[in-house]
Amino acid sequence: WTDFPSTPAANPHLNNDLDLIVTGPPGTFKGNVFSSSHSVTGGSADRRNTLEQVLLTAPTTGTYTVTVRAINVPNGPQPFSLVVSGAVQ
C-alpha cells in the first residue's frame, strides 16, 4: 500500500499499518515472517514495511483465507492491493 507522509521525527516512518495474514491447513502465516526463504508460522507482525509477503513453496491442499487487517490507520481510508499467484482456483 502507499502510506500517508509521516512526520520527520517519527521512527519508524510509517503512518498507517496494515497486516497480511494467511490461514490454511498448515497454520497461520504473518507477512514477512520467513525462514530459509519461505514463510513460517509464528513470529511477529511486520510493523515497518508497506509491502508484505507470504510465500508457501509447497502449500498443503485445502482452503486458505487471506486477511488484510488494519492495525493502525490514523489517516484513512487506506487503499491497498493484493496479489495471489500460483495454482489457485
PDB file of N, CA and C in Angstrom:
ATOM      1  N   TRP A   1       0.836  -1.164   0.000  1.00  0.00           N
ATOM      2  CA  TRP A   1       0.000   0.000   0.000  1.00  0.00           C
ATOM      3  C   TRP A   1       0.878   1.223   0.000  1.00  0.00           C
ATOM      4  N   THR A   2       0.319   2.346  -0.378  1.00  0.00           N
ATOM      5  CA  THR A   2       1.045   3.608  -0.296  1.00  0.00           C
ATOM      6  C   THR A   2       0.623   4.275   0.993  1.00  0.00           C
ATOM      7  N   ASP A   3       1.588   4.765   1.727  1.00  0.00           N
ATOM      8  CA  ASP A   3       1.327   5.327   3.043  1.00  0.00           C
ATOM      9  C   ASP A   3       1.250   6.847   2.970  1.00  0.00           C
ATOM     10  N   PHE A   4       0.523   7.436   3.887  1.00  0.00           N
ATOM     11  CA  PHE A   4       0.491   8.880   4.027  1.00  0.00           C
ATOM     12  C   PHE A   4       1.835   9.353   4.587  1.00  0.00           C
ATOM     13  N   PRO A   5       2.248  10.585   4.312  1.00  0.00           N
ATOM     14  CA  PRO A   5       3.537  11.073   4.834  1.00  0.00           C
ATOM     15  C   PRO A   5       3.550  11.076   6.362  1.00  0.00           C
ATOM     16  N   SER A   6       4.693  10.725   6.923  1.00  0.00           N
ATOM     17  CA  SER A   6       4.844  10.787   8.381  1.00  0.00           C
ATOM     18  C   SER A   6       5.606  12.058   8.745  1.00  0.00           C
ATOM     19  N   THR A   7       5.715  12.306  10.016  1.00  0.00           N
ATOM     20  CA  THR A   7       6.470  13.473  10.472  1.00  0.00           C
ATOM     21  C   THR A   7       7.963  13.144  10.466  1.00  0.00           C
ATOM     22  N   PRO A   8       8.835  14.144  10.306  1.00  0.00           N
ATOM     23  CA  PRO A   8      10.284  13.884  10.269  1.00  0.00           C
ATOM     24  C   PRO A   8      10.816  13.194  11.528  1.00  0.00           C
ATOM     25  N   ALA A   9      10.178  13.415  12.670  1.00  0.00           N
ATOM     26  CA  ALA A   9      10.666  12.828  13.919  1.00  0.00           C
ATOM     27  C   ALA A   9      10.175  11.402  14.148  1.00  0.00           C
ATOM     28  N   ALA A  10       9.283  10.922  13.304  1.00  0.00           N
ATOM     29  CA  ALA A  10       8.704   9.586  13.504  1.00  0.00           C
ATOM     30  C   ALA A  10       9.747   8.494  13.283  1.00  0.00           C
ATOM     31  N   ASN A  11       9.662   7.456  14.093  1.00  0.00           N
ATOM     32  CA  ASN A  11      10.528   6.288  13.934  1.00  0.00           C
ATOM     33  C   ASN A  11       9.751   5.058  14.380  1.00  0.00           C
ATOM     34  N   PRO A  12       9.358   4.181  13.477  1.00  0.00           N
ATOM     35  CA  PRO A  12       9.675   4.183  12.050  1.00  0.00           C
ATOM     36  C   PRO A  12       8.810   5.187  11.296  1.00  0.00           C
ATOM     37  N   HIS A  13       9.182   5.484  10.065  1.00  0.00           N
ATOM     38  CA  HIS A  13       8.439   6.422   9.229  1.00  0.00           C
ATOM     39  C   HIS A  13       7.267   5.708   8.569  1.00  0.00           C
ATOM     40  N   LEU A  14       6.359   5.256   9.389  1.00  0.00           N
ATOM     41  CA  LEU A  14       5.167   4.563   8.927  1.00  0.00           C
ATOM     42  C   LEU A  14       3.973   5.212   9.603  1.00  0.00           C
ATOM     43  N   ASN A  15       3.014   5.623   8.819  1.00  0.00           N
ATOM     44  CA  ASN A  15       1.849   6.286   9.374  1.00  0.00           C
ATOM     45  C   ASN A  15       0.746   5.261   9.618  1.00  0.00           C
ATOM     46  N   ASN A  16       0.234   4.674   8.555  1.00  0.00           N
ATOM     47  CA  ASN A  16      -0.788   3.638   8.667  1.00  0.00           C
ATOM     48  C   ASN A  16      -0.123   2.266   8.658  1.00  0.00           C
ATOM     49  N   ASP A  17      -0.742   1.306   9.319  1.00  0.00           N
ATOM     50  CA  ASP A  17      -0.161  -0.040   9.406  1.00  0.00           C
ATOM     51  C   ASP A  17      -1.223  -1.083   9.101  1.00  0.00           C
ATOM     52  N   LEU A  18      -0.988  -1.832   8.004  1.00  0.00           N
ATOM     53  CA  LEU A  18      -1.843  -2.956   7.640  1.00  0.00           C
ATOM     54  C   LEU A  18      -1.039  -4.239   7.795  1.00  0.00           C
ATOM     55  N   ASP A  19      -1.691  -5.324   8.173  1.00  0.00           N
ATOM     56  CA  ASP A  19      -1.022  -6.622   8.314  1.00  0.00           C
ATOM     57  C   ASP A  19      -1.637  -7.635   7.361  1.00  0.00           C
ATOM     58  N   LEU A  20      -0.765  -8.454   6.754  1.00  0.00           N
ATOM     59  CA  LEU A  20      -1.176  -9.561   5.903  1.00  0.00           C
ATOM     60  C   LEU A  20      -1.150 -10.839   6.732  1.00  0.00           C
ATOM     61  N   ILE A  21      -2.240 -11.595   6.689  1.00  0.00           N
ATOM     62  CA  ILE A  21      -2.338 -12.857   7.421  1.00  0.00           C
ATOM     63  C   ILE A  21      -2.945 -13.895   6.486  1.00  0.00           C
ATOM     64  N   VAL A  22      -2.300 -15.038   6.350  1.00  0.00           N
ATOM     65  CA  VAL A  22      -2.803 -16.136   5.532  1.00  0.00           C
ATOM     66  C   VAL A  22      -2.997 -17.339   6.445  1.00  0.00           C
ATOM     67  N   THR A  23      -4.225 -17.868   6.466  1.00  0.00           N
ATOM     68  CA  THR A  23      -4.551 -19.011   7.313  1.00  0.00           C
ATOM     69  C   THR A  23      -4.988 -20.167   6.431  1.00  0.00           C
ATOM     70  N   GLY A  24      -4.426 -21.337   6.675  1.00  0.00           N
ATOM     71  CA  GLY A  24      -4.768 -22.522   5.894  1.00  0.00           C
ATOM     72  C   GLY A  24      -4.470 -23.786   6.667  1.00  0.00           C
ATOM     73  N   PRO A  25      -4.547 -24.945   6.004  1.00  0.00           N
ATOM     74  CA  PRO A  25      -4.326 -26.222   6.678  1.00  0.00           C
ATOM     75  C   PRO A  25      -2.996 -26.331   7.446  1.00  0.00           C
ATOM     76  N   PRO A  26      -1.877 -25.738   6.923  1.00  0.00           N
ATOM     77  CA  PRO A  26      -0.635 -25.891   7.690  1.00  0.00           C
ATOM     78  C   PRO A  26      -0.477 -24.886   8.825  1.00  0.00           C
ATOM     79  N   GLY A  27      -1.390 -23.905   8.955  1.00  0.00           N
ATOM     80  CA  GLY A  27      -1.285 -22.942  10.044  1.00  0.00           C
ATOM     81  C   GLY A  27      -1.556 -21.522   9.601  1.00  0.00           C
ATOM     82  N   THR A  28      -1.147 -20.582  10.445  1.00  0.00           N
ATOM     83  CA  THR A  28      -1.334 -19.153  10.181  1.00  0.00           C
ATOM     84  C   THR A  28       0.016 -18.519   9.922  1.00  0.00           C
ATOM     85  N   PHE A  29       0.096 -17.754   8.834  1.00  0.00           N
ATOM     86  CA  PHE A  29       1.339 -17.119   8.410  1.00  0.00           C
ATOM     87  C   PHE A  29       1.157 -15.612   8.400  1.00  0.00           C
ATOM     88  N   LYS A  30       2.095 -14.900   9.005  1.00  0.00           N
ATOM     89  CA  LYS A  30       2.086 -13.436   9.008  1.00  0.00           C
ATOM     90  C   LYS A  30       3.023 -12.935   7.922  1.00  0.00           C
ATOM     91  N   GLY A  31       2.692 -11.800   7.350  1.00  0.00           N
ATOM     92  CA  GLY A  31       3.513 -11.222   6.298  1.00  0.00           C
ATOM     93  C   GLY A  31       4.938 -10.974   6.752  1.00  0.00           C
ATOM     94  N   ASN A  32       5.899 -11.356   5.897  1.00  0.00           N
ATOM     95  CA  ASN A  32       7.333 -11.112   6.089  1.00  0.00           C
ATOM     96  C   ASN A  32       7.953 -11.895   7.250  1.00  0.00           C
ATOM     97  N   VAL A  33       7.368 -13.016   7.633  1.00  0.00           N
ATOM     98  CA  VAL A  33       7.976 -13.899   8.637  1.00  0.00           C
ATOM     99  C   VAL A  33       8.524 -15.108   7.880  1.00  0.00           C
ATOM    100  N   PHE A  34       9.854 -15.112   7.652  1.00  0.00           N
ATOM    101  CA  PHE A  34      10.499 -16.110   6.801  1.00  0.00           C
ATOM    102  C   PHE A  34      11.576 -16.896   7.542  1.00  0.00           C
ATOM    103  N   SER A  35      11.831 -18.089   7.049  1.00  0.00           N
ATOM    104  CA  SER A  35      12.982 -18.896   7.426  1.00  0.00           C
ATOM    105  C   SER A  35      13.371 -19.683   6.178  1.00  0.00           C
ATOM    106  N   SER A  36      14.632 -19.635   5.813  1.00  0.00           N
ATOM    107  CA  SER A  36      15.115 -20.327   4.607  1.00  0.00           C
ATOM    108  C   SER A  36      14.305 -19.945   3.370  1.00  0.00           C
ATOM    109  N   SER A  37      14.002 -18.676   3.232  1.00  0.00           N
ATOM    110  CA  SER A  37      13.335 -18.105   2.055  1.00  0.00           C
ATOM    111  C   SER A  37      11.875 -18.507   1.857  1.00  0.00           C
ATOM    112  N   HIS A  38      11.223 -19.029   2.897  1.00  0.00           N
ATOM    113  CA  HIS A  38       9.781 -19.270   2.781  1.00  0.00           C
ATOM    114  C   HIS A  38       9.097 -18.931   4.101  1.00  0.00           C
ATOM    115  N   SER A  39       7.795 -18.714   4.045  1.00  0.00           N
ATOM    116  CA  SER A  39       7.041 -18.305   5.230  1.00  0.00           C
ATOM    117  C   SER A  39       6.943 -19.432   6.247  1.00  0.00           C
ATOM    118  N   VAL A  40       6.974 -19.029   7.516  1.00  0.00           N
ATOM    119  CA  VAL A  40       6.821 -19.976   8.622  1.00  0.00           C
ATOM    120  C   VAL A  40       5.771 -19.430   9.584  1.00  0.00           C
ATOM    121  N   THR A  41       5.163 -20.325  10.345  1.00  0.00           N
ATOM    122  CA  THR A  41       4.185 -19.901  11.343  1.00  0.00           C
ATOM    123  C   THR A  41       4.915 -19.262  12.510  1.00  0.00           C
ATOM    124  N   GLY A  42       4.151 -18.519  13.308  1.00  0.00           N
ATOM    125  CA  GLY A  42       4.735 -17.843  14.460  1.00  0.00           C
ATOM    126  C   GLY A  42       5.305 -16.493  14.071  1.00  0.00           C
ATOM    127  N   GLY A  43       6.178 -15.989  14.896  1.00  0.00           N
ATOM    128  CA  GLY A  43       6.809 -14.705  14.624  1.00  0.00           C
ATOM    129  C   GLY A  43       5.907 -13.537  14.968  1.00  0.00           C
ATOM    130  N   SER A  44       6.411 -12.354  14.689  1.00  0.00           N
ATOM    131  CA  SER A  44       5.695 -11.119  14.995  1.00  0.00           C
ATOM    132  C   SER A  44       5.262 -10.420  13.720  1.00  0.00           C
ATOM    133  N   ALA A  45       4.191  -9.687  13.808  1.00  0.00           N
ATOM    134  CA  ALA A  45       3.703  -8.921  12.659  1.00  0.00           C
ATOM    135  C   ALA A  45       4.719  -7.857  12.269  1.00  0.00           C
ATOM    136  N   ASP A  46       4.810  -7.585  10.968  1.00  0.00           N
ATOM    137  CA  ASP A  46       5.731  -6.585  10.436  1.00  0.00           C
ATOM    138  C   ASP A  46       5.165  -5.192  10.697  1.00  0.00           C
ATOM    139  N   ARG A  47       5.892  -4.384  11.448  1.00  0.00           N
ATOM    140  CA  ARG A  47       5.459  -3.031  11.793  1.00  0.00           C
ATOM    141  C   ARG A  47       6.252  -1.953  11.058  1.00  0.00           C
ATOM    142  N   ARG A  48       7.069  -2.330  10.053  1.00  0.00           N
ATOM    143  CA  ARG A  48       7.943  -1.362   9.396  1.00  0.00           C
ATOM    144  C   ARG A  48       7.735  -1.214   7.894  1.00  0.00           C
ATOM    145  N   ASN A  49       7.074  -2.157   7.239  1.00  0.00           N
ATOM    146  CA  ASN A  49       7.040  -2.168   5.783  1.00  0.00           C
ATOM    147  C   ASN A  49       5.625  -2.041   5.231  1.00  0.00           C
ATOM    148  N   THR A  50       5.531  -1.360   4.089  1.00  0.00           N
ATOM    149  CA  THR A  50       4.247  -1.242   3.408  1.00  0.00           C
ATOM    150  C   THR A  50       4.037  -2.372   2.402  1.00  0.00           C
ATOM    151  N   LEU A  51       5.050  -3.207   2.223  1.00  0.00           N
ATOM    152  CA  LEU A  51       4.961  -4.368   1.343  1.00  0.00           C
ATOM    153  C   LEU A  51       5.147  -5.613   2.192  1.00  0.00           C
ATOM    154  N   GLU A  52       4.145  -6.475   2.228  1.00  0.00           N
ATOM    155  CA  GLU A  52       4.238  -7.716   2.991  1.00  0.00           C
ATOM    156  C   GLU A  52       3.967  -8.892   2.068  1.00  0.00           C
ATOM    157  N   GLN A  53       4.610 -10.027   2.370  1.00  0.00           N
ATOM    158  CA  GLN A  53       4.508 -11.208   1.512  1.00  0.00           C
ATOM    159  C   GLN A  53       4.429 -12.464   2.367  1.00  0.00           C
ATOM    160  N   VAL A  54       3.640 -13.419   1.894  1.00  0.00           N
ATOM    161  CA  VAL A  54       3.639 -14.786   2.419  1.00  0.00           C
ATOM    162  C   VAL A  54       3.998 -15.669   1.246  1.00  0.00           C
ATOM    163  N   LEU A  55       5.018 -16.499   1.407  1.00  0.00           N
ATOM    164  CA  LEU A  55       5.481 -17.387   0.345  1.00  0.00           C
ATOM    165  C   LEU A  55       5.440 -18.825   0.846  1.00  0.00           C
ATOM    166  N   LEU A  56       4.547 -19.618   0.268  1.00  0.00           N
ATOM    167  CA  LEU A  56       4.430 -21.033   0.609  1.00  0.00           C
ATOM    168  C   LEU A  56       4.980 -21.820  -0.574  1.00  0.00           C
ATOM    169  N   THR A  57       6.163 -22.411  -0.414  1.00  0.00           N
ATOM    170  CA  THR A  57       6.824 -23.093  -1.524  1.00  0.00           C
ATOM    171  C   THR A  57       6.197 -24.449  -1.831  1.00  0.00           C
ATOM    172  N   ALA A  58       5.586 -25.092  -0.857  1.00  0.00           N
ATOM    173  CA  ALA A  58       4.905 -26.372  -1.060  1.00  0.00           C
ATOM    174  C   ALA A  58       3.619 -26.374  -0.228  1.00  0.00           C
ATOM    175  N   PRO A  59       2.609 -25.590  -0.655  1.00  0.00           N
ATOM    176  CA  PRO A  59       1.393 -25.464   0.153  1.00  0.00           C
ATOM    177  C   PRO A  59       0.601 -26.763   0.237  1.00  0.00           C
ATOM    178  N   THR A  60       0.036 -26.992   1.382  1.00  0.00           N
ATOM    179  CA  THR A  60      -0.852 -28.124   1.603  1.00  0.00           C
ATOM    180  C   THR A  60      -2.167 -27.855   0.870  1.00  0.00           C
ATOM    181  N   THR A  61      -2.744 -28.882   0.266  1.00  0.00           N
ATOM    182  CA  THR A  61      -4.031 -28.731  -0.415  1.00  0.00           C
ATOM    183  C   THR A  61      -5.103 -28.360   0.598  1.00  0.00           C
ATOM    184  N   GLY A  62      -5.962 -27.426   0.217  1.00  0.00           N
ATOM    185  CA  GLY A  62      -7.051 -27.035   1.100  1.00  0.00           C
ATOM    186  C   GLY A  62      -7.455 -25.598   0.864  1.00  0.00           C
ATOM    187  N   THR A  63      -8.298 -25.107   1.735  1.00  0.00           N
ATOM    188  CA  THR A  63      -8.805 -23.739   1.647  1.00  0.00           C
ATOM    189  C   THR A  63      -7.938 -22.813   2.492  1.00  0.00           C
ATOM    190  N   TYR A  64      -7.573 -21.685   1.887  1.00  0.00           N
ATOM    191  CA  TYR A  64      -6.773 -20.665   2.569  1.00  0.00           C
ATOM    192  C   TYR A  64      -7.581 -19.382   2.645  1.00  0.00           C
ATOM    193  N   THR A  65      -7.446 -18.677   3.748  1.00  0.00           N
ATOM    194  CA  THR A  65      -8.089 -17.383   3.927  1.00  0.00           C
ATOM    195  C   THR A  65      -7.006 -16.316   3.995  1.00  0.00           C
ATOM    196  N   VAL A  66      -7.137 -15.293   3.158  1.00  0.00           N
ATOM    197  CA  VAL A  66      -6.196 -14.178   3.142  1.00  0.00           C
ATOM    198  C   VAL A  66      -6.889 -12.983   3.782  1.00  0.00           C
ATOM    199  N   THR A  67      -6.254 -12.425   4.809  1.00  0.00           N
ATOM    200  CA  THR A  67      -6.813 -11.293   5.542  1.00  0.00           C
ATOM    201  C   THR A  67      -5.834 -10.133   5.494  1.00  0.00           C
ATOM    202  N   VAL A  68      -6.344  -8.956   5.212  1.00  0.00           N
ATOM    203  CA  VAL A  68      -5.571  -7.721   5.358  1.00  0.00           C
ATOM    204  C   VAL A  68      -6.235  -6.974   6.505  1.00  0.00           C
ATOM    205  N   ARG A  69      -5.504  -6.853   7.602  1.00  0.00           N
ATOM    206  CA  ARG A  69      -6.064  -6.287   8.827  1.00  0.00           C
ATOM    207  C   ARG A  69      -5.492  -4.889   9.060  1.00  0.00           C
ATOM    208  N   ALA A  70      -6.373  -3.933   9.316  1.00  0.00           N
ATOM    209  CA  ALA A  70      -5.953  -2.575   9.659  1.00  0.00           C
ATOM    210  C   ALA A  70      -5.600  -2.542  11.142  1.00  0.00           C
ATOM    211  N   ILE A  71      -4.323  -2.375  11.435  1.00  0.00           N
ATOM    212  CA  ILE A  71      -3.865  -2.339  12.821  1.00  0.00           C
ATOM    213  C   ILE A  71      -3.930  -0.924  13.366  1.00  0.00           C
ATOM    214  N   ASN A  72      -3.450   0.028  12.563  1.00  0.00           N
ATOM    215  CA  ASN A  72      -3.452   1.429  12.956  1.00  0.00           C
ATOM    216  C   ASN A  72      -3.594   2.262  11.683  1.00  0.00           C
ATOM    217  N   VAL A  73      -4.715   2.980  11.556  1.00  0.00           N
ATOM    218  CA  VAL A  73      -4.959   3.794  10.369  1.00  0.00           C
ATOM    219  C   VAL A  73      -5.465   5.167  10.820  1.00  0.00           C
ATOM    220  N   PRO A  74      -4.549   6.030  11.297  1.00  0.00           N
ATOM    221  CA  PRO A  74      -4.980   7.365  11.714  1.00  0.00           C
ATOM    222  C   PRO A  74      -5.361   8.259  10.532  1.00  0.00           C
ATOM    223  N   ASN A  75      -4.844   7.959   9.330  1.00  0.00           N
ATOM    224  CA  ASN A  75      -5.173   8.725   8.132  1.00  0.00           C
ATOM    225  C   ASN A  75      -5.763   7.786   7.099  1.00  0.00           C
ATOM    226  N   GLY A  76      -7.065   7.773   7.000  1.00  0.00           N
ATOM    227  CA  GLY A  76      -7.697   6.863   6.065  1.00  0.00           C
ATOM    228  C   GLY A  76      -8.644   7.592   5.154  1.00  0.00           C
ATOM    229  N   PRO A  77      -9.297   6.877   4.264  1.00  0.00           N
ATOM    230  CA  PRO A  77      -9.187   5.432   4.122  1.00  0.00           C
ATOM    231  C   PRO A  77      -7.839   5.037   3.528  1.00  0.00           C
ATOM    232  N   GLN A  78      -7.406   3.818   3.811  1.00  0.00           N
ATOM    233  CA  GLN A  78      -6.112   3.316   3.352  1.00  0.00           C
ATOM    234  C   GLN A  78      -6.330   2.318   2.221  1.00  0.00           C
ATOM    235  N   PRO A  79      -6.092   2.716   0.962  1.00  0.00           N
ATOM    236  CA  PRO A  79      -6.197   1.746  -0.137  1.00  0.00           C
ATOM    237  C   PRO A  79      -5.026   0.774  -0.113  1.00  0.00           C
ATOM    238  N   PHE A  80      -5.236  -0.423  -0.677  1.00  0.00           N
ATOM    239  CA  PHE A  80      -4.156  -1.408  -0.782  1.00  0.00           C
ATOM    240  C   PHE A  80      -4.438  -2.306  -1.970  1.00  0.00           C
ATOM    241  N   SER A  81      -3.419  -3.049  -2.390  1.00  0.00           N
ATOM    242  CA  SER A  81      -3.566  -4.030  -3.458  1.00  0.00           C
ATOM    243  C   SER A  81      -3.175  -5.387  -2.915  1.00  0.00           C
ATOM    244  N   LEU A  82      -3.758  -6.436  -3.494  1.00  0.00           N
ATOM    245  CA  LEU A  82      -3.487  -7.796  -3.081  1.00  0.00           C
ATOM    246  C   LEU A  82      -3.220  -8.621  -4.338  1.00  0.00           C
ATOM    247  N   VAL A  83      -2.123  -9.367  -4.342  1.00  0.00           N
ATOM    248  CA  VAL A  83      -1.772 -10.240  -5.462  1.00  0.00           C
ATOM    249  C   VAL A  83      -1.658 -11.658  -4.933  1.00  0.00           C
ATOM    250  N   VAL A  84      -2.347 -12.594  -5.586  1.00  0.00           N
ATOM    251  CA  VAL A  84      -2.252 -14.011  -5.254  1.00  0.00           C
ATOM    252  C   VAL A  84      -1.815 -14.715  -6.522  1.00  0.00           C
ATOM    253  N   SER A  85      -0.751 -15.506  -6.429  1.00  0.00           N
ATOM    254  CA  SER A  85      -0.283 -16.217  -7.619  1.00  0.00           C
ATOM    255  C   SER A  85      -0.037 -17.677  -7.290  1.00  0.00           C
ATOM    256  N   GLY A  86       0.021 -18.503  -8.319  1.00  0.00           N
ATOM    257  CA  GLY A  86       0.234 -19.940  -8.138  1.00  0.00           C
ATOM    258  C   GLY A  86      -0.951 -20.696  -8.698  1.00  0.00           C
ATOM    259  N   ALA A  87      -1.051 -21.950  -8.344  1.00  0.00           N
ATOM    260  CA  ALA A  87      -2.126 -22.806  -8.824  1.00  0.00           C
ATOM    261  C   ALA A  87      -3.345 -22.617  -7.924  1.00  0.00           C
ATOM    262  N   VAL A  88      -4.037 -21.502  -8.093  1.00  0.00           N
ATOM    263  CA  VAL A  88      -5.195 -21.194  -7.254  1.00  0.00           C
ATOM    264  C   VAL A  88      -6.477 -21.389  -8.058  1.00  0.00           C
ATOM    265  N   GLN A  89      -7.551 -21.730  -7.364  1.00  0.00           N
ATOM    266  CA  GLN A  89      -8.856 -21.885  -8.000  1.00  0.00           C
ATOM    267  C   GLN A  89      -9.868 -21.044  -7.290  1.00  0.00           C
TER     268      GLN A  89
END
